């Protein structure tokens, strides 16, 4: 029973982290269109810190449970989220290049 509860909590934490990431990138894009880019960027950076704290919590829990591969992967994913939330222009340029390669960009 305890394993199921822990697994459910891990899934909820991961889903929360992914939702924060998706919302943070979409907020930056929409904020740029309506002229409140500074507020969107501030919220994006704050969500990046929340994502990093969640990733460190989950990664630390996994490392203490001797699940080293999953713990290191979560910490790396948390670092990538932190990088992209603090540098959204890199993410936008990567998306533009991918869209251009597959034919969706101009």
Protein backbone atom coordinates (compact mmCIF):
# COMPACT_ATOMS: atom_id res chain seq x y z
CA UNK A 1 0.00 0.00 0.00
CA UNK A 2 2.82 2.40 0.88
CA UNK A 3 4.52 1.77 -2.48
CA UNK A 4 1.33 2.73 -4.29
CA UNK A 5 1.04 5.94 -2.31
CA UNK A 6 4.67 6.83 -3.01
CA UNK A 7 4.23 6.05 -6.70
CA UNK A 8 1.10 8.21 -6.87
CA UNK A 9 2.90 11.08 -5.12
CA UNK A 10 5.81 10.82 -7.55
CA UNK A 11 3.44 10.89 -10.53
CA UNK A 12 1.60 13.92 -9.12
CA UNK A 13 4.90 15.72 -8.49
CA UNK A 14 6.13 14.96 -12.01
CA UNK A 15 2.84 16.09 -13.55
CA UNK A 16 3.00 19.32 -11.54
CA UNK A 17 6.54 19.94 -12.75
CA UNK A 18 5.57 19.36 -16.39
CA UNK A 19 2.51 21.59 -16.08
CA UNK A 20 4.61 24.38 -14.61
CA UNK A 21 7.05 24.07 -17.50
CA UNK A 22 4.35 24.19 -20.18
CA UNK A 23 2.57 27.11 -18.54
CA UNK A 24 5.78 29.05 -18.06
CA UNK A 25 6.72 28.87 -21.74
CA UNK A 26 3.22 29.68 -22.94
CA UNK A 27 3.01 32.65 -20.55
CA UNK A 28 6.20 34.13 -22.00
CA UNK A 29 4.90 33.83 -25.56
CA UNK A 30 1.48 35.35 -24.79
CA UNK A 31 2.97 38.08 -22.60
CA UNK A 32 5.15 39.20 -25.49
CA UNK A 33 2.09 39.64 -27.71
CA UNK A 34 0.10 41.88 -25.34
CA UNK A 35 2.94 44.00 -24.02
CA UNK A 36 3.37 42.67 -20.50
CA UNK A 37 6.56 40.83 -21.26
CA UNK A 38 8.30 41.88 -18.04
CA UNK A 39 5.61 40.30 -15.87
CA UNK A 40 5.63 37.14 -17.93
CA UNK A 41 9.41 36.85 -17.69
CA UNK A 42 9.27 37.38 -13.92
CA UNK A 43 6.64 34.65 -13.55
CA UNK A 44 8.67 32.39 -15.83
CA UNK A 45 11.75 32.74 -13.62
CA UNK A 46 9.76 32.12 -10.45
CA UNK A 47 8.26 28.97 -11.94
CA UNK A 48 11.77 27.86 -12.86
CA UNK A 49 12.81 28.03 -9.21
CA UNK A 50 9.70 26.10 -8.17
CA UNK A 51 10.48 23.46 -10.79
CA UNK A 52 14.06 23.16 -9.58
CA UNK A 53 12.96 22.76 -5.96
CA UNK A 54 10.46 20.06 -6.93
CA UNK A 55 13.08 18.27 -9.05
CA UNK A 56 15.63 18.40 -6.23
CA UNK A 57 13.06 17.04 -3.79
CA UNK A 58 12.08 14.15 -6.04
CA UNK A 59 15.70 13.51 -7.08
CA UNK A 60 16.89 13.53 -3.47
CA UNK A 61 14.15 11.13 -2.46
CA UNK A 62 15.08 8.77 -5.29
CA UNK A 63 18.79 8.99 -4.48
CA UNK A 64 18.11 8.17 -0.83
CA UNK A 65 16.03 5.20 -1.95
CA UNK A 66 19.10 4.01 -3.93
CA UNK A 67 17.42 4.55 -7.27
CA UNK A 68 20.45 6.39 -8.64
CA UNK A 69 19.62 6.40 -12.34
CA UNK A 70 16.15 7.87 -11.85
CA UNK A 71 17.47 10.35 -9.27
CA UNK A 72 20.22 11.64 -11.55
CA UNK A 73 17.81 11.85 -14.51
CA UNK A 74 15.30 13.89 -12.49
CA UNK A 75 18.08 16.24 -11.36
CA UNK A 76 19.27 16.65 -14.97
CA UNK A 77 15.72 17.31 -16.16
CA UNK A 78 15.30 19.85 -13.35
CA UNK A 79 18.51 21.57 -14.46
CA UNK A 80 17.29 21.68 -18.05
CA UNK A 81 13.98 23.17 -16.92
CA UNK A 82 15.85 25.77 -14.89
CA UNK A 83 18.04 26.64 -17.90
CA UNK A 84 15.12 27.01 -20.30
CA UNK A 85 12.95 29.00 -17.89
CA UNK A 86 15.75 31.48 -17.29
CA UNK A 87 16.70 31.63 -21.00
CA UNK A 88 13.40 31.33 -22.94
CA UNK A 89 14.91 32.92 -26.03
CA UNK A 90 17.05 29.79 -26.53
CA UNK A 91 13.94 27.61 -26.36
CA UNK A 92 12.07 29.85 -28.79
CA UNK A 93 14.97 29.83 -31.28
CA UNK A 94 15.23 26.03 -31.08
CA UNK A 95 11.48 25.77 -31.72
CA UNK A 96 11.71 28.14 -34.69
CA UNK A 97 14.55 26.13 -36.24
CA UNK A 98 12.69 22.84 -35.76
CA UNK A 99 9.54 24.37 -37.28
CA UNK A 100 11.56 25.64 -40.24
CA UNK A 101 13.16 22.20 -40.76
CA UNK A 102 9.84 20.32 -40.79
CA UNK A 103 8.17 22.96 -42.94
CA UNK A 104 5.93 24.84 -40.49
CA UNK A 105 8.04 27.99 -40.30
CA UNK A 106 8.42 30.74 -42.82
